[in-house]
Amino acid sequence: MAEAPETHLAPHLRAAVDAAGFTWLSDRIESDGTYAVTVGVSRSVNKRATRQRVWQIIGSIAESSSHVVERTSPDGAVFEVVTGEPDGAFAAHGHTLRLEISKAG
């Protein structure tokens, strides 16, 4: 797994979050190295539109191999993402991301 996800992922994620019309609320690195990002979305945005925008955000950091699991949370949804490069010059390079979607307002 790659080091410093806040350096490698944050700029791409922040731009994608802005483009999706979401609000960046917080970020942190979990003890297992997962980069956890919480974003806010208006309650007026339905589930399908939220999911479409989230996939655009994930696409901003996706690598040639990516796995995504979506779960419902009390606040909205959580997308667990593992992305990496299994072959080539960057073999074994990758990231884990937890994208927490918080419905607000």
C-alpha atoms as a PDB file:
ATOM      1  CA  MET A   1       0.000   0.000   0.000  1.00  0.00           C
ATOM      2  CA  ALA A   2       1.114   3.535  -0.679  1.00  0.00           C
ATOM      3  CA  GLU A   3       2.228   6.018   1.907  1.00  0.00           C
ATOM      4  CA  ALA A   4       0.714   9.423   2.669  1.00  0.00           C
ATOM      5  CA  PRO A   5      -2.789   9.088   1.206  1.00  0.00           C
ATOM      6  CA  GLU A   6      -3.558  12.625   2.359  1.00  0.00           C
ATOM      7  CA  THR A   7      -0.816  13.800  -0.010  1.00  0.00           C
ATOM      8  CA  HIS A   8      -1.528  11.462  -2.931  1.00  0.00           C
ATOM      9  CA  LEU A   9      -5.322  11.274  -2.795  1.00  0.00           C
ATOM     10  CA  ALA A  10      -6.626  14.441  -1.127  1.00  0.00           C
ATOM     11  CA  PRO A  11      -6.047  16.921  -3.983  1.00  0.00           C
ATOM     12  CA  HIS A  12      -7.866  14.667  -6.485  1.00  0.00           C
ATOM     13  CA  LEU A  13     -10.641  13.843  -4.044  1.00  0.00           C
ATOM     14  CA  ARG A  14     -11.169  17.481  -3.017  1.00  0.00           C
ATOM     15  CA  ALA A  15     -11.522  18.566  -6.642  1.00  0.00           C
ATOM     16  CA  ALA A  16     -13.943  15.708  -7.370  1.00  0.00           C
ATOM     17  CA  VAL A  17     -15.989  16.425  -4.224  1.00  0.00           C
ATOM     18  CA  ASP A  18     -16.313  20.065  -5.294  1.00  0.00           C
ATOM     19  CA  ALA A  19     -17.269  19.055  -8.843  1.00  0.00           C
ATOM     20  CA  ALA A  20     -19.944  16.710  -7.439  1.00  0.00           C
ATOM     21  CA  GLY A  21     -21.490  19.552  -5.458  1.00  0.00           C
ATOM     22  CA  PHE A  22     -20.667  17.897  -2.135  1.00  0.00           C
ATOM     23  CA  THR A  23     -18.994  19.557   0.854  1.00  0.00           C
ATOM     24  CA  TRP A  24     -15.668  18.304   2.267  1.00  0.00           C
ATOM     25  CA  LEU A  25     -16.258  17.925   6.017  1.00  0.00           C
ATOM     26  CA  SER A  26     -13.212  16.074   7.332  1.00  0.00           C
ATOM     27  CA  ASP A  27     -10.452  13.590   6.661  1.00  0.00           C
ATOM     28  CA  ARG A  28      -8.272  11.360   8.795  1.00  0.00           C
ATOM     29  CA  ILE A  29      -5.984   8.368   8.559  1.00  0.00           C
ATOM     30  CA  GLU A  30      -7.258   5.351  10.477  1.00  0.00           C
ATOM     31  CA  SER A  31      -4.921   3.118  12.498  1.00  0.00           C
ATOM     32  CA  ASP A  32      -4.995   0.510   9.694  1.00  0.00           C
ATOM     33  CA  GLY A  33      -3.881   3.126   7.127  1.00  0.00           C
ATOM     34  CA  THR A  34      -7.328   3.650   5.594  1.00  0.00           C
ATOM     35  CA  TYR A  35      -7.877   7.206   4.436  1.00  0.00           C
ATOM     36  CA  ALA A  36     -11.321   8.184   5.772  1.00  0.00           C
ATOM     37  CA  VAL A  37     -13.035  11.171   4.185  1.00  0.00           C
ATOM     38  CA  THR A  38     -16.412  12.548   5.242  1.00  0.00           C
ATOM     39  CA  VAL A  39     -18.414  14.651   2.821  1.00  0.00           C
ATOM     40  CA  GLY A  40     -21.789  16.305   3.143  1.00  0.00           C
ATOM     41  CA  VAL A  41     -24.616  16.172   0.627  1.00  0.00           C
ATOM     42  CA  SER A  42     -28.009  17.840   0.761  1.00  0.00           C
ATOM     43  CA  ARG A  43     -30.938  15.615   1.751  1.00  0.00           C
ATOM     44  CA  SER A  44     -32.620  16.821  -1.447  1.00  0.00           C
ATOM     45  CA  VAL A  45     -30.148  14.745  -3.517  1.00  0.00           C
ATOM     46  CA  ASN A  46     -31.690  11.295  -3.977  1.00  0.00           C
ATOM     47  CA  LYS A  47     -29.890   7.989  -3.449  1.00  0.00           C
ATOM     48  CA  ARG A  48     -29.280   7.298  -7.162  1.00  0.00           C
ATOM     49  CA  ALA A  49     -27.849  10.774  -7.817  1.00  0.00           C
ATOM     50  CA  THR A  50     -25.685  10.493  -4.699  1.00  0.00           C
ATOM     51  CA  ARG A  51     -24.329   7.119  -5.855  1.00  0.00           C
ATOM     52  CA  GLN A  52     -23.574   8.452  -9.347  1.00  0.00           C
ATOM     53  CA  ARG A  53     -21.654  11.392  -7.907  1.00  0.00           C
ATOM     54  CA  VAL A  54     -19.786   9.169  -5.462  1.00  0.00           C
ATOM     55  CA  TRP A  55     -18.617   6.948  -8.342  1.00  0.00           C
ATOM     56  CA  GLN A  56     -17.314  10.058 -10.094  1.00  0.00           C
ATOM     57  CA  ILE A  57     -15.372  10.905  -6.928  1.00  0.00           C
ATOM     58  CA  ILE A  58     -14.005   7.350  -6.700  1.00  0.00           C
ATOM     59  CA  GLY A  59     -13.021   7.560 -10.363  1.00  0.00           C
ATOM     60  CA  SER A  60     -10.719  10.465  -9.546  1.00  0.00           C
ATOM     61  CA  ILE A  61      -8.408   8.112  -7.617  1.00  0.00           C
ATOM     62  CA  ALA A  62      -9.214   4.686  -9.103  1.00  0.00           C
ATOM     63  CA  GLU A  63      -6.387   2.539 -10.388  1.00  0.00           C
ATOM     64  CA  SER A  64      -6.454  -0.424 -12.788  1.00  0.00           C
ATOM     65  CA  SER A  65      -7.899  -2.679 -10.080  1.00  0.00           C
ATOM     66  CA  SER A  66     -10.583  -1.283  -7.783  1.00  0.00           C
ATOM     67  CA  HIS A  67     -13.133  -2.825  -5.432  1.00  0.00           C
ATOM     68  CA  VAL A  68     -16.003  -0.854  -3.899  1.00  0.00           C
ATOM     69  CA  VAL A  69     -18.548  -1.845  -1.268  1.00  0.00           C
ATOM     70  CA  GLU A  70     -21.481   0.455  -0.434  1.00  0.00           C
ATOM     71  CA  ARG A  71     -23.196   0.279   2.934  1.00  0.00           C
ATOM     72  CA  THR A  72     -26.031   2.311   4.411  1.00  0.00           C
ATOM     73  CA  SER A  73     -25.153   4.280   7.533  1.00  0.00           C
ATOM     74  CA  PRO A  74     -27.346   6.173  10.001  1.00  0.00           C
ATOM     75  CA  ASP A  75     -26.101   9.414   8.446  1.00  0.00           C
ATOM     76  CA  GLY A  76     -26.250   8.384   4.778  1.00  0.00           C
ATOM     77  CA  ALA A  77     -23.855   5.888   3.210  1.00  0.00           C
ATOM     78  CA  VAL A  78     -20.303   4.590   3.412  1.00  0.00           C
ATOM     79  CA  PHE A  79     -18.243   3.493   0.413  1.00  0.00           C
ATOM     80  CA  GLU A  80     -15.274   1.261   1.217  1.00  0.00           C
ATOM     81  CA  VAL A  81     -12.739   1.409  -1.618  1.00  0.00           C
ATOM     82  CA  VAL A  82      -9.582  -0.584  -2.278  1.00  0.00           C
ATOM     83  CA  THR A  83      -7.705   0.468  -5.381  1.00  0.00           C
ATOM     84  CA  GLY A  84      -4.304  -0.451  -6.715  1.00  0.00           C
ATOM     85  CA  GLU A  85      -1.944  -1.584  -9.419  1.00  0.00           C
ATOM     86  CA  PRO A  86      -1.408  -5.352  -9.320  1.00  0.00           C
ATOM     87  CA  ASP A  87       1.111  -5.440 -12.191  1.00  0.00           C
ATOM     88  CA  GLY A  88       3.887  -3.408 -13.767  1.00  0.00           C
ATOM     89  CA  ALA A  89       6.163  -0.721 -12.384  1.00  0.00           C
ATOM     90  CA  PHE A  90       3.718   0.176  -9.603  1.00  0.00           C
ATOM     91  CA  ALA A  91       2.850  -3.381  -8.577  1.00  0.00           C
ATOM     92  CA  ALA A  92       1.655  -3.583  -4.981  1.00  0.00           C
ATOM     93  CA  HIS A  93       0.853   0.150  -5.046  1.00  0.00           C
ATOM     94  CA  GLY A  94      -2.600   1.004  -3.792  1.00  0.00           C
ATOM     95  CA  HIS A  95      -4.865   2.752  -1.343  1.00  0.00           C
ATOM     96  CA  THR A  96      -7.783   2.042   0.940  1.00  0.00           C
ATOM     97  CA  LEU A  97     -10.406   4.750   1.197  1.00  0.00           C
ATOM     98  CA  ARG A  98     -13.529   5.036   3.316  1.00  0.00           C
ATOM     99  CA  LEU A  99     -15.812   7.664   1.800  1.00  0.00           C
ATOM    100  CA  GLU A 100     -18.492   8.590   4.330  1.00  0.00           C
ATOM    101  CA  ILE A 101     -21.503  10.393   2.893  1.00  0.00           C
ATOM    102  CA  SER A 102     -23.405  12.506   5.397  1.00  0.00           C
ATOM    103  CA  LYS A 103     -26.877  13.728   4.452  1.00  0.00           C
ATOM    104  CA  ALA A 104     -27.424  17.218   5.848  1.00  0.00           C
ATOM    105  CA  GLY A 105     -30.042  19.917   5.589  1.00  0.00           C
END
